N, C-alpha and C. Protein backbone atom coordinates (compact mmCIF):
# COMPACT_ATOMS: atom_id res chain seq x y z
N MET A 1 -11.53 -6.17 -36.80
CA MET A 1 -11.15 -5.08 -38.02
C MET A 1 -11.85 -4.37 -38.21
N GLN A 2 -11.28 -3.47 -38.98
CA GLN A 2 -11.42 -1.70 -38.81
C GLN A 2 -12.44 -1.83 -40.51
N LYS A 3 -13.50 -1.38 -40.72
CA LYS A 3 -14.48 -1.27 -41.38
C LYS A 3 -14.59 0.07 -42.50
N ASN A 4 -15.15 0.14 -43.17
CA ASN A 4 -14.78 1.71 -43.91
C ASN A 4 -17.04 1.57 -43.87
N TYR A 5 -17.38 2.62 -43.46
CA TYR A 5 -18.64 2.84 -43.35
C TYR A 5 -18.75 4.39 -44.11
N GLY A 6 -19.13 4.35 -45.04
CA GLY A 6 -18.85 5.84 -46.26
C GLY A 6 -18.15 6.39 -46.44
N ASP A 7 -17.88 7.51 -45.79
CA ASP A 7 -16.68 8.43 -45.96
C ASP A 7 -15.67 8.36 -44.77
N ILE A 8 -16.16 7.66 -44.29
CA ILE A 8 -15.01 7.28 -42.65
C ILE A 8 -13.93 6.37 -43.21
N PRO A 9 -12.81 7.05 -43.28
CA PRO A 9 -11.56 5.90 -43.69
C PRO A 9 -11.78 4.68 -42.72
N ASN A 10 -10.91 3.63 -43.70
CA ASN A 10 -10.89 2.43 -42.78
C ASN A 10 -10.00 2.43 -41.65
N HIS A 11 -8.96 3.75 -41.39
CA HIS A 11 -8.34 3.34 -40.21
C HIS A 11 -8.19 4.09 -39.53
N TYR A 12 -9.50 4.63 -39.58
CA TYR A 12 -10.41 5.78 -38.48
C TYR A 12 -10.70 4.70 -37.04
N GLU A 13 -10.28 5.07 -35.94
CA GLU A 13 -10.16 4.17 -34.81
C GLU A 13 -11.95 4.67 -34.00
N ASN A 14 -12.60 3.68 -33.69
CA ASN A 14 -14.02 4.50 -33.35
C ASN A 14 -14.57 3.84 -32.50
N LEU A 15 -14.65 3.93 -31.01
CA LEU A 15 -15.00 2.94 -29.93
C LEU A 15 -16.49 2.56 -29.97
N ILE A 16 -16.89 3.32 -30.92
CA ILE A 16 -18.30 2.49 -31.21
C ILE A 16 -18.26 0.99 -31.81
N TYR A 17 -18.02 1.05 -32.36
CA TYR A 17 -17.77 0.02 -33.42
C TYR A 17 -16.67 -0.82 -32.57
N LEU A 18 -15.76 -0.60 -31.98
CA LEU A 18 -14.91 -1.67 -30.71
C LEU A 18 -15.73 -1.82 -29.70
N ILE A 19 -16.08 -1.64 -29.39
CA ILE A 19 -16.91 -2.06 -27.83
C ILE A 19 -18.56 -2.05 -27.69
N GLY A 20 -19.23 -1.06 -28.61
CA GLY A 20 -20.47 -0.96 -28.57
C GLY A 20 -21.00 0.25 -27.70
N TRP A 21 -22.25 0.72 -27.81
CA TRP A 21 -23.21 1.84 -26.77
C TRP A 21 -23.41 1.16 -25.72
N GLU A 22 -23.61 -0.60 -25.71
CA GLU A 22 -23.22 -0.92 -24.11
C GLU A 22 -22.60 -0.90 -22.99
N ASN A 23 -21.22 -0.82 -23.89
CA ASN A 23 -20.04 -0.87 -22.77
C ASN A 23 -19.77 1.17 -23.10
N ILE A 24 -20.67 1.91 -22.53
CA ILE A 24 -20.22 3.40 -22.92
C ILE A 24 -21.24 3.46 -22.13
N VAL A 25 -20.90 4.06 -20.77
CA VAL A 25 -21.77 4.36 -19.51
C VAL A 25 -21.42 5.96 -19.67
N ILE A 26 -22.76 6.83 -18.77
CA ILE A 26 -22.19 8.39 -18.95
C ILE A 26 -22.20 8.54 -17.63
N SER A 27 -21.27 8.78 -17.19
CA SER A 27 -20.40 9.33 -15.83
C SER A 27 -21.02 10.95 -15.40
N ALA A 28 -21.05 11.50 -16.30
CA ALA A 28 -21.63 13.32 -15.66
C ALA A 28 -22.04 13.64 -16.38
N VAL A 29 -23.24 14.55 -16.34
CA VAL A 29 -24.19 15.74 -17.03
C VAL A 29 -24.16 16.74 -16.60
N GLN A 30 -24.68 17.43 -16.93
CA GLN A 30 -25.04 18.96 -16.06
C GLN A 30 -25.99 19.57 -15.73
N SER A 31 -27.78 19.10 -16.87
CA SER A 31 -28.97 19.61 -16.68
C SER A 31 -29.63 18.73 -15.48
N PRO A 32 -30.58 19.18 -14.92
CA PRO A 32 -31.32 18.20 -13.53
C PRO A 32 -32.17 16.77 -14.29
N GLN A 33 -32.53 17.60 -15.65
CA GLN A 33 -33.45 16.40 -15.99
C GLN A 33 -32.66 15.34 -16.86
N ASN A 34 -31.40 15.47 -16.71
CA ASN A 34 -30.92 14.40 -17.20
C ASN A 34 -29.63 13.50 -16.36
N GLN A 35 -30.33 13.69 -14.97
CA GLN A 35 -29.11 13.58 -13.92
C GLN A 35 -29.43 12.02 -14.03
N LYS A 36 -30.81 11.42 -14.14
CA LYS A 36 -30.95 10.29 -14.12
C LYS A 36 -30.59 9.20 -14.76
N TYR A 37 -29.86 9.66 -15.67
CA TYR A 37 -28.86 8.93 -16.44
C TYR A 37 -27.55 8.61 -16.19
N VAL A 38 -27.05 9.20 -15.45
CA VAL A 38 -25.63 9.01 -14.88
C VAL A 38 -25.82 7.63 -13.94
N GLY A 39 -24.38 6.91 -14.68
CA GLY A 39 -24.25 5.46 -13.99
C GLY A 39 -25.14 4.72 -15.24
N MET A 40 -25.70 5.07 -16.22
CA MET A 40 -26.58 4.00 -17.25
C MET A 40 -26.04 4.13 -18.42
N LYS A 41 -25.81 3.27 -19.46
CA LYS A 41 -25.39 2.65 -20.50
C LYS A 41 -26.38 3.21 -21.62
N VAL A 42 -25.32 4.02 -22.43
CA VAL A 42 -26.12 4.96 -23.63
C VAL A 42 -27.29 3.53 -24.45
N SER A 43 -27.52 2.28 -24.38
CA SER A 43 -28.04 1.26 -25.26
C SER A 43 -29.15 1.41 -24.69
N GLU A 44 -29.14 1.87 -22.91
CA GLU A 44 -30.00 1.51 -22.08
C GLU A 44 -31.04 2.80 -21.86
N ILE A 45 -30.06 4.26 -22.09
CA ILE A 45 -30.96 5.37 -22.00
C ILE A 45 -31.84 5.31 -23.75
N ALA A 46 -31.25 4.66 -24.32
CA ALA A 46 -31.66 4.78 -25.61
C ALA A 46 -33.10 4.28 -25.69
N ALA A 47 -32.76 2.70 -25.51
CA ALA A 47 -34.27 2.00 -25.07
C ALA A 47 -35.34 2.46 -24.38
N GLU A 48 -34.66 3.49 -22.85
CA GLU A 48 -35.96 4.29 -22.62
C GLU A 48 -36.32 5.41 -23.25
N ARG A 49 -35.78 5.88 -24.05
CA ARG A 49 -36.02 7.20 -24.84
C ARG A 49 -36.62 6.44 -25.84
N VAL A 50 -36.69 5.57 -25.97
CA VAL A 50 -37.24 4.08 -27.85
C VAL A 50 -36.89 5.70 -28.82
N VAL A 51 -35.57 5.56 -28.60
CA VAL A 51 -34.74 5.87 -29.57
C VAL A 51 -33.95 5.31 -30.22
N ASP A 52 -32.83 5.10 -31.49
CA ASP A 52 -31.68 4.34 -31.60
C ASP A 52 -30.62 5.23 -30.86
N SER A 53 -29.33 4.22 -30.47
CA SER A 53 -27.98 4.92 -29.96
C SER A 53 -27.43 5.93 -30.12
N TYR A 54 -27.93 6.29 -31.53
CA TYR A 54 -26.76 7.15 -32.03
C TYR A 54 -27.87 8.54 -32.15
N THR A 55 -29.12 8.39 -31.81
CA THR A 55 -30.09 9.81 -31.69
C THR A 55 -29.88 10.11 -30.10
N CYS A 56 -29.79 8.82 -29.12
CA CYS A 56 -29.70 8.95 -28.09
C CYS A 56 -28.76 9.78 -27.48
N ALA A 57 -27.61 9.26 -28.43
CA ALA A 57 -26.43 10.09 -28.15
C ALA A 57 -25.88 11.36 -28.39
N PHE A 58 -26.79 11.77 -29.73
CA PHE A 58 -26.74 13.10 -30.09
C PHE A 58 -27.38 14.39 -29.28
N ASP A 59 -28.58 13.31 -29.01
CA ASP A 59 -30.15 14.53 -27.93
C ASP A 59 -29.00 14.90 -27.20
N LEU A 60 -28.30 13.74 -26.11
CA LEU A 60 -27.77 14.15 -25.10
C LEU A 60 -26.32 15.19 -25.25
N LEU A 61 -25.86 15.08 -26.30
CA LEU A 61 -24.88 16.00 -26.62
C LEU A 61 -25.70 17.07 -27.00
N VAL A 62 -26.42 17.59 -27.50
CA VAL A 62 -26.86 18.76 -27.81
C VAL A 62 -27.94 19.04 -26.21
N GLU A 63 -28.28 18.48 -25.70
CA GLU A 63 -29.12 18.84 -24.60
C GLU A 63 -28.02 19.59 -23.34
N GLU A 64 -26.78 18.82 -23.21
CA GLU A 64 -25.90 19.01 -22.66
C GLU A 64 -24.98 19.97 -23.25
N ASN A 65 -25.07 20.52 -24.45
CA ASN A 65 -24.06 21.54 -24.54
C ASN A 65 -22.86 20.99 -24.86
N CYS A 66 -22.47 20.00 -25.28
CA CYS A 66 -21.81 18.35 -24.88
C CYS A 66 -20.68 18.56 -23.93
N ASN A 67 -21.18 18.62 -22.94
CA ASN A 67 -20.28 18.43 -21.27
C ASN A 67 -21.60 16.97 -21.19
N VAL A 68 -20.50 16.63 -21.52
CA VAL A 68 -20.93 15.13 -20.78
C VAL A 68 -19.84 14.10 -20.80
N SER A 69 -19.87 13.49 -19.59
CA SER A 69 -18.81 12.77 -19.50
C SER A 69 -19.17 10.97 -20.14
N ILE A 70 -18.16 10.22 -19.60
CA ILE A 70 -18.70 8.79 -20.20
C ILE A 70 -17.20 7.79 -19.43
N VAL A 71 -17.70 6.90 -19.35
CA VAL A 71 -16.72 6.14 -18.95
C VAL A 71 -17.15 4.80 -20.29
N ASN A 72 -15.68 4.46 -20.52
CA ASN A 72 -15.58 3.34 -21.30
C ASN A 72 -15.28 1.83 -20.44
N PHE A 73 -15.55 0.77 -20.83
CA PHE A 73 -15.38 -0.49 -20.85
C PHE A 73 -14.87 -1.28 -21.67
N ILE A 74 -13.40 -0.83 -21.78
CA ILE A 74 -12.90 -1.72 -22.91
C ILE A 74 -11.45 -2.26 -22.96
N ALA A 75 -11.05 -2.25 -21.66
CA ALA A 75 -9.70 -3.15 -21.30
C ALA A 75 -9.75 -4.36 -21.22
N CYS A 76 -8.78 -4.99 -21.44
CA CYS A 76 -8.18 -6.58 -21.87
C CYS A 76 -7.99 -6.83 -20.45
N GLU A 77 -8.32 -7.39 -19.63
CA GLU A 77 -7.50 -7.84 -17.91
C GLU A 77 -6.48 -8.47 -18.09
N LYS A 78 -6.17 -9.48 -19.29
CA LYS A 78 -4.96 -10.23 -19.38
C LYS A 78 -4.05 -9.03 -20.05
N ASP A 79 -4.42 -7.95 -20.95
CA ASP A 79 -3.14 -6.81 -21.64
C ASP A 79 -3.24 -6.26 -20.43
N ILE A 80 -3.75 -5.67 -19.23
CA ILE A 80 -3.88 -4.88 -18.40
C ILE A 80 -2.40 -5.76 -16.95
N GLU A 81 -2.64 -7.16 -16.87
CA GLU A 81 -1.88 -7.83 -16.35
C GLU A 81 -0.15 -8.35 -16.72
N THR A 82 -0.10 -8.02 -18.30
CA THR A 82 1.12 -8.54 -18.91
C THR A 82 2.04 -6.54 -19.02
N ILE A 83 1.26 -5.64 -19.10
CA ILE A 83 2.04 -4.24 -18.60
C ILE A 83 2.16 -3.77 -17.70
N LEU A 84 1.32 -4.62 -16.44
CA LEU A 84 1.66 -4.05 -15.09
C LEU A 84 3.49 -4.73 -14.73
N GLN A 85 3.35 -6.11 -15.51
CA GLN A 85 4.48 -6.86 -14.99
C GLN A 85 5.51 -6.51 -16.35
N HIS A 86 5.56 -5.69 -16.90
CA HIS A 86 6.85 -5.17 -17.78
C HIS A 86 7.52 -4.29 -16.96
N ARG A 87 9.14 -4.30 -17.25
CA ARG A 87 9.66 -3.97 -16.41
C ARG A 87 9.81 -2.70 -17.07
N ASP A 88 8.93 -2.38 -18.12
CA ASP A 88 9.48 -0.43 -18.24
C ASP A 88 8.26 0.12 -17.48
N SER A 89 7.27 -0.74 -17.33
CA SER A 89 5.86 0.10 -17.15
C SER A 89 6.01 0.69 -15.32
N CYS A 90 5.03 1.96 -16.07
CA CYS A 90 4.72 2.47 -14.19
C CYS A 90 3.02 2.83 -13.89
N ILE A 91 2.50 2.99 -13.17
CA ILE A 91 1.67 2.75 -12.40
C ILE A 91 0.97 4.13 -11.75
N ILE A 92 0.12 4.77 -12.35
CA ILE A 92 -0.44 6.09 -12.10
C ILE A 92 -2.26 6.43 -12.79
N SER A 93 -2.90 7.36 -12.68
CA SER A 93 -4.17 7.44 -12.71
C SER A 93 -4.00 8.68 -13.90
N ASP A 94 -4.82 8.61 -14.88
CA ASP A 94 -5.15 9.70 -15.50
C ASP A 94 -6.21 10.61 -15.33
N SER A 95 -7.17 9.83 -14.56
CA SER A 95 -8.85 10.19 -14.24
C SER A 95 -8.92 11.74 -13.64
N ILE A 96 -10.24 12.35 -14.59
CA ILE A 96 -9.97 13.36 -13.82
C ILE A 96 -11.41 13.86 -12.90
N TYR A 97 -11.81 15.20 -12.25
CA TYR A 97 -13.26 15.10 -11.62
C TYR A 97 -13.92 15.83 -12.63
N ALA A 98 -15.12 15.27 -12.65
CA ALA A 98 -16.22 15.42 -13.31
C ALA A 98 -17.17 16.75 -12.84
N GLU A 99 -17.51 17.47 -13.56
CA GLU A 99 -18.10 18.72 -13.08
C GLU A 99 -19.46 17.85 -12.58
N GLY A 100 -20.02 17.34 -11.73
CA GLY A 100 -20.85 16.74 -10.96
C GLY A 100 -21.43 15.50 -11.58
N GLY A 101 -21.99 14.55 -11.16
CA GLY A 101 -22.51 13.06 -11.48
C GLY A 101 -20.78 12.24 -10.85
N LYS A 102 -21.13 11.19 -11.63
CA LYS A 102 -20.00 10.13 -11.29
C LYS A 102 -18.39 9.97 -12.03
N PRO A 103 -17.66 9.92 -11.18
CA PRO A 103 -16.20 9.96 -11.92
C PRO A 103 -15.73 9.03 -11.90
N HIS A 104 -14.68 8.05 -12.85
CA HIS A 104 -14.39 7.00 -12.82
C HIS A 104 -13.77 6.78 -11.54
N PRO A 105 -13.94 5.68 -10.70
CA PRO A 105 -13.31 5.10 -9.48
C PRO A 105 -11.91 5.16 -9.60
N ARG A 106 -11.43 4.76 -10.81
CA ARG A 106 -10.08 5.13 -10.64
C ARG A 106 -9.23 6.09 -9.77
N LEU A 107 -10.39 7.17 -9.56
CA LEU A 107 -9.56 8.95 -9.47
C LEU A 107 -9.53 8.46 -7.92
N TYR A 108 -10.10 7.54 -7.28
CA TYR A 108 -9.85 7.17 -5.85
C TYR A 108 -9.48 6.09 -5.25
N GLY A 109 -9.63 5.43 -6.35
CA GLY A 109 -9.16 3.69 -5.92
C GLY A 109 -7.77 2.94 -6.78
N THR A 110 -7.16 4.12 -7.67
CA THR A 110 -5.91 3.02 -8.52
C THR A 110 -5.35 2.84 -7.64
N PHE A 111 -4.48 3.51 -6.63
CA PHE A 111 -3.27 2.77 -5.85
C PHE A 111 -3.81 1.70 -4.79
N PRO A 112 -4.71 2.07 -3.99
CA PRO A 112 -5.14 0.98 -3.06
C PRO A 112 -5.69 -0.10 -3.71
N LYS A 113 -5.98 -0.16 -4.89
CA LYS A 113 -6.94 -1.20 -6.13
C LYS A 113 -5.46 -2.40 -6.49
N ILE A 114 -4.25 -1.49 -6.50
CA ILE A 114 -2.89 -1.91 -7.24
C ILE A 114 -2.84 -2.64 -5.85
N LEU A 115 -2.52 -2.27 -4.69
CA LEU A 115 -1.88 -3.15 -3.63
C LEU A 115 -2.85 -3.87 -2.99
N GLN A 116 -4.51 -3.70 -3.49
CA GLN A 116 -5.49 -4.84 -2.61
C GLN A 116 -5.41 -6.37 -3.56
N GLU A 117 -5.52 -5.94 -5.09
CA GLU A 117 -6.22 -6.50 -5.75
C GLU A 117 -4.56 -7.50 -6.84
N TYR A 118 -4.07 -6.49 -6.78
CA TYR A 118 -2.63 -7.22 -8.03
C TYR A 118 -1.89 -7.42 -6.75
N VAL A 119 -1.56 -7.14 -5.46
CA VAL A 119 -0.12 -7.64 -4.83
C VAL A 119 -0.71 -8.49 -4.00
N LYS A 120 -1.72 -7.93 -3.05
CA LYS A 120 -2.43 -8.69 -2.12
C LYS A 120 -2.97 -10.43 -2.43
N GLU A 121 -3.78 -9.59 -3.32
CA GLU A 121 -4.95 -11.11 -3.54
C GLU A 121 -4.40 -12.03 -4.95
N ARG A 122 -4.22 -11.05 -6.01
CA ARG A 122 -3.46 -11.53 -7.16
C ARG A 122 -1.98 -12.15 -7.35
N LYS A 123 -1.46 -11.52 -6.58
CA LYS A 123 0.07 -11.33 -6.66
C LYS A 123 0.54 -11.43 -8.25
N ILE A 124 0.04 -10.37 -8.65
CA ILE A 124 0.84 -10.24 -10.45
C ILE A 124 2.07 -9.55 -10.29
N LEU A 125 1.44 -8.67 -8.86
CA LEU A 125 3.41 -7.94 -8.60
C LEU A 125 3.84 -8.24 -7.06
N CYS A 126 4.78 -8.18 -6.52
CA CYS A 126 5.71 -7.92 -5.51
C CYS A 126 5.11 -6.71 -4.86
N LEU A 127 4.90 -6.41 -3.59
CA LEU A 127 5.27 -5.29 -2.80
C LEU A 127 5.82 -4.12 -3.62
N GLU A 128 7.12 -4.92 -3.86
CA GLU A 128 8.46 -3.65 -4.32
C GLU A 128 8.41 -3.21 -5.13
N GLN A 129 7.92 -4.29 -6.19
CA GLN A 129 7.80 -3.78 -7.46
C GLN A 129 6.67 -2.69 -7.67
N ALA A 130 5.26 -3.02 -7.07
CA ALA A 130 4.22 -2.12 -7.54
C ALA A 130 4.88 -0.23 -6.64
N ILE A 131 5.06 -0.87 -5.46
CA ILE A 131 5.66 1.03 -4.49
C ILE A 131 6.56 1.58 -5.23
N HIS A 132 7.65 0.67 -6.46
CA HIS A 132 8.52 1.09 -6.71
C HIS A 132 7.83 1.82 -8.50
N LYS A 133 6.64 0.86 -8.86
CA LYS A 133 6.10 1.77 -10.32
C LYS A 133 4.97 2.76 -9.68
N ILE A 134 4.47 2.76 -8.61
CA ILE A 134 4.23 4.12 -7.89
C ILE A 134 4.61 5.52 -7.96
N THR A 135 6.02 5.05 -7.17
CA THR A 135 6.34 6.22 -6.45
C THR A 135 7.91 6.48 -7.38
N GLY A 136 9.09 5.85 -7.14
CA GLY A 136 10.33 6.19 -7.68
C GLY A 136 10.65 5.56 -9.63
N LYS A 137 9.75 5.07 -9.81
CA LYS A 137 9.93 4.97 -11.22
C LYS A 137 9.42 5.96 -12.01
N PRO A 138 8.35 6.33 -11.76
CA PRO A 138 7.80 7.61 -12.96
C PRO A 138 7.92 9.06 -12.21
N ALA A 139 9.06 8.94 -10.81
CA ALA A 139 9.35 10.00 -10.72
C ALA A 139 10.50 10.05 -11.42
N LYS A 140 11.54 9.63 -11.42
CA LYS A 140 13.45 9.47 -12.40
C LYS A 140 12.47 9.79 -13.67
N ILE A 141 11.30 8.89 -14.39
CA ILE A 141 10.93 9.24 -15.93
C ILE A 141 10.73 10.23 -16.50
N MET A 142 10.06 11.23 -15.13
CA MET A 142 9.63 12.42 -15.38
C MET A 142 10.10 13.18 -14.99
N GLY A 143 11.51 13.02 -14.33
CA GLY A 143 12.66 13.70 -13.77
C GLY A 143 12.15 14.86 -12.69
N ILE A 144 11.68 14.21 -12.10
CA ILE A 144 10.67 15.25 -11.07
C ILE A 144 12.23 15.22 -9.37
N PRO A 145 12.68 16.00 -9.04
CA PRO A 145 14.05 15.88 -8.23
C PRO A 145 13.27 15.49 -7.12
N LYS A 146 13.95 14.62 -6.27
CA LYS A 146 13.44 14.77 -4.62
C LYS A 146 12.09 14.09 -4.12
N LYS A 147 11.60 13.45 -4.99
CA LYS A 147 10.30 12.43 -5.24
C LYS A 147 10.68 11.12 -5.68
N GLY A 148 9.74 10.36 -4.57
CA GLY A 148 9.94 8.68 -5.03
C GLY A 148 10.44 7.96 -4.47
N LEU A 149 11.39 8.65 -3.16
CA LEU A 149 11.63 7.56 -2.41
C LEU A 149 12.41 8.16 -1.37
N LEU A 150 12.79 7.28 -0.49
CA LEU A 150 13.06 7.81 1.20
C LEU A 150 14.41 7.68 1.25
N HIS A 151 15.20 9.17 1.03
CA HIS A 151 16.21 9.30 0.82
C HIS A 151 16.46 10.63 1.90
N LYS A 152 17.62 10.92 2.31
CA LYS A 152 18.54 12.51 2.98
C LYS A 152 17.77 13.15 1.75
N GLY A 153 17.46 14.38 2.51
CA GLY A 153 17.40 15.28 1.51
C GLY A 153 15.68 14.91 0.24
N PHE A 154 15.70 14.54 0.56
CA PHE A 154 14.13 14.32 -0.34
C PHE A 154 13.08 14.81 0.67
N ASP A 155 11.70 15.21 -0.31
CA ASP A 155 10.80 15.87 -0.06
C ASP A 155 10.06 14.41 0.99
N ALA A 156 9.81 14.64 2.25
CA ALA A 156 8.99 13.59 2.82
C ALA A 156 7.50 13.08 2.69
N ASP A 157 7.50 12.47 1.79
CA ASP A 157 6.08 12.16 1.32
C ASP A 157 6.24 10.46 1.39
N ILE A 158 5.24 10.91 2.92
CA ILE A 158 5.32 9.01 3.03
C ILE A 158 4.01 8.51 3.53
N VAL A 159 3.66 7.00 2.67
CA VAL A 159 2.60 6.83 3.58
C VAL A 159 2.66 5.21 4.27
N ILE A 160 2.06 5.55 5.06
CA ILE A 160 1.74 4.17 6.09
C ILE A 160 0.96 3.71 5.79
N PHE A 161 0.88 2.35 6.02
CA PHE A 161 0.07 1.12 5.55
C PHE A 161 0.08 -0.24 6.06
N ASP A 162 -1.09 -0.91 6.18
CA ASP A 162 -1.10 -2.07 6.48
C ASP A 162 -1.55 -3.05 5.33
N MET A 163 -1.01 -3.93 4.80
CA MET A 163 -1.08 -4.44 3.46
C MET A 163 -2.71 -5.68 3.91
N ASP A 164 -2.41 -6.06 5.17
CA ASP A 164 -3.81 -7.18 5.72
C ASP A 164 -5.14 -6.36 5.74
N THR A 165 -5.18 -4.63 5.93
CA THR A 165 -6.50 -3.99 6.18
C THR A 165 -6.38 -3.11 4.72
N VAL A 166 -5.61 -2.60 3.72
CA VAL A 166 -5.93 -2.14 2.60
C VAL A 166 -7.19 -2.23 1.80
N GLN A 167 -7.69 -1.37 1.64
CA GLN A 167 -9.25 -1.94 0.86
C GLN A 167 -9.39 -0.81 -0.25
N ASN A 168 -9.94 -1.10 -1.18
CA ASN A 168 -10.32 -0.12 -2.38
C ASN A 168 -11.75 -0.32 -1.81
N ASN A 169 -12.13 1.18 -1.82
CA ASN A 169 -13.63 0.72 -1.80
C ASN A 169 -14.21 1.67 -2.82
N ALA A 170 -13.31 2.40 -3.84
CA ALA A 170 -14.18 2.89 -4.99
C ALA A 170 -14.56 1.84 -6.16
N SER A 171 -15.95 2.35 -6.61
CA SER A 171 -16.48 1.35 -6.92
C SER A 171 -17.11 1.78 -8.50
N TYR A 172 -17.98 1.31 -9.47
CA TYR A 172 -18.60 2.60 -10.63
C TYR A 172 -20.04 2.74 -9.83
N VAL A 173 -20.60 2.11 -8.60
CA VAL A 173 -21.65 1.80 -8.06
C VAL A 173 -21.43 3.48 -7.32
N ASN A 174 -20.38 3.57 -6.29
CA ASN A 174 -20.20 4.26 -5.22
C ASN A 174 -18.54 4.52 -5.73
N PRO A 175 -18.27 5.67 -6.36
CA PRO A 175 -16.62 5.57 -7.37
C PRO A 175 -15.95 6.70 -6.00
N THR A 176 -16.55 7.67 -5.55
CA THR A 176 -15.81 8.60 -4.44
C THR A 176 -15.61 7.94 -3.10
N SER A 177 -16.02 6.56 -2.91
CA SER A 177 -15.51 6.18 -1.31
C SER A 177 -13.96 6.44 -1.26
N MET A 178 -13.63 6.70 -0.32
CA MET A 178 -12.25 6.47 0.29
C MET A 178 -11.62 5.22 0.44
N ALA A 179 -10.56 4.85 0.43
CA ALA A 179 -9.99 3.62 0.23
C ALA A 179 -9.45 3.58 1.88
N THR A 180 -9.32 2.70 2.60
CA THR A 180 -9.02 2.51 4.20
C THR A 180 -7.92 1.71 4.25
N GLY A 181 -7.11 1.58 5.44
CA GLY A 181 -6.14 0.84 6.03
C GLY A 181 -4.82 1.45 5.80
N PHE A 182 -5.23 2.77 5.61
CA PHE A 182 -4.13 3.78 5.28
C PHE A 182 -3.78 4.79 6.60
N SER A 183 -3.19 4.15 7.50
CA SER A 183 -2.88 5.25 8.98
C SER A 183 -2.48 6.22 8.93
N HIS A 184 -0.96 6.47 8.44
CA HIS A 184 -0.68 7.95 8.24
C HIS A 184 -0.44 8.06 6.51
N VAL A 185 -0.36 9.50 6.23
CA VAL A 185 0.32 10.20 4.82
C VAL A 185 0.76 11.60 5.32
N PHE A 186 1.83 11.44 4.88
CA PHE A 186 2.90 12.70 5.16
C PHE A 186 2.99 13.43 3.78
N VAL A 187 2.66 14.65 3.57
CA VAL A 187 3.13 14.89 2.45
C VAL A 187 3.72 16.30 2.58
N ASN A 188 5.37 16.51 1.83
CA ASN A 188 6.33 17.19 2.09
C ASN A 188 6.30 17.24 4.08
N GLY A 189 6.17 16.10 4.53
CA GLY A 189 6.41 15.82 5.84
C GLY A 189 5.59 16.59 6.62
N ILE A 190 4.41 17.19 6.03
CA ILE A 190 2.94 17.29 7.02
C ILE A 190 1.94 16.45 6.75
N LEU A 191 1.56 15.95 8.18
CA LEU A 191 0.21 15.09 8.30
C LEU A 191 -0.66 15.29 6.93
N ALA A 192 -1.10 14.38 6.33
CA ALA A 192 -2.21 14.96 5.20
C ALA A 192 -3.12 14.23 5.49
N ASN A 193 -3.36 12.66 6.35
CA ASN A 193 -4.14 11.87 6.77
C ASN A 193 -3.81 11.16 7.98
N ASN A 194 -4.64 11.10 8.79
CA ASN A 194 -4.71 10.23 10.14
C ASN A 194 -5.58 8.95 10.25
N HIS A 195 -5.36 7.54 9.87
CA HIS A 195 -6.23 6.80 10.07
C HIS A 195 -7.53 6.83 9.38
N ASP A 196 -7.18 6.72 8.15
CA ASP A 196 -8.00 7.39 7.05
C ASP A 196 -9.08 8.45 7.42
N ASN A 197 -8.81 9.48 8.28
CA ASN A 197 -9.20 10.95 8.09
C ASN A 197 -8.28 11.72 7.28
N PHE A 198 -9.43 12.19 6.61
CA PHE A 198 -8.24 13.35 5.43
C PHE A 198 -8.15 14.64 6.26
N ILE A 199 -7.20 15.28 6.19
CA ILE A 199 -6.62 16.19 6.81
C ILE A 199 -6.39 17.62 5.39
N ASN A 200 -6.74 18.64 5.50
CA ASN A 200 -6.60 19.49 4.72
C ASN A 200 -5.58 20.63 4.96
N SER A 201 -4.10 20.01 4.76
CA SER A 201 -3.07 20.86 5.41
C SER A 201 -2.61 21.47 4.22
N GLY A 202 -3.08 21.45 3.38
CA GLY A 202 -2.36 22.41 2.12
C GLY A 202 -0.87 22.46 1.70
N ALA A 203 -0.57 21.17 1.48
CA ALA A 203 0.62 20.67 1.78
C ALA A 203 1.43 20.11 0.82
N GLY A 204 0.18 19.91 -0.01
CA GLY A 204 0.58 19.48 -1.60
C GLY A 204 1.10 20.86 -2.58
N LYS A 205 1.63 20.46 -3.68
CA LYS A 205 1.95 21.48 -4.45
C LYS A 205 2.38 21.13 -6.09
N VAL A 206 2.15 21.77 -7.33
CA VAL A 206 2.42 20.95 -8.12
C VAL A 206 4.11 20.80 -8.72
N LEU A 207 4.06 19.71 -8.98
CA LEU A 207 5.33 19.08 -9.68
C LEU A 207 6.02 19.54 -11.27
N ARG A 208 6.49 20.01 -11.60
CA ARG A 208 6.80 20.47 -12.83
C ARG A 208 8.27 19.89 -12.93
N LYS A 209 8.64 18.88 -14.17
CA LYS A 209 9.87 18.54 -14.80
C LYS A 209 10.70 19.41 -14.79
N LYS A 210 12.61 19.36 -14.34
CA LYS A 210 12.97 20.54 -14.26
C LYS A 210 14.27 19.77 -15.51
């Protein structure tokens, strides 16, 4: 239930009131003196600095000229399962590269996590459903031509993997750890990954809706 805090309207969605400072983790800062706080909860940093969490957050923003990246622990796993199984849902990652620090592990692990956890281990989706939600379905919705299907005349974007060995290795502690179990990845018909070894082929391109 939303509450009214002074002049803040009661319809204002505020993550602090929803999840608390103990569920907000600093993932990147710029200054050398604050690098020790990367990976820590705001509540933990506040305790170390012997200030309240609000003061701690404001001080960090001032010290970093507002250039602070965070990770919020807010999602409900049951909701994730329900949305994954919905016929209209797609699977994407909106994670961005932080300037230094630790990015969200979804940057490196979204799709291998889907295959390993939600298909192989927990069987929330079958393999065909997962692949379609990752490839052909979003390409069709976004109106991106010649993508998402193995079809004559389409761009040769092909991932070859073994479900028995697919492993997501990205975690909140080590978020940039590469996945394993992918033997070959072709981007526009050019080899970009050979048995988990990245090849900087420059074959990728920006995709725009037409």
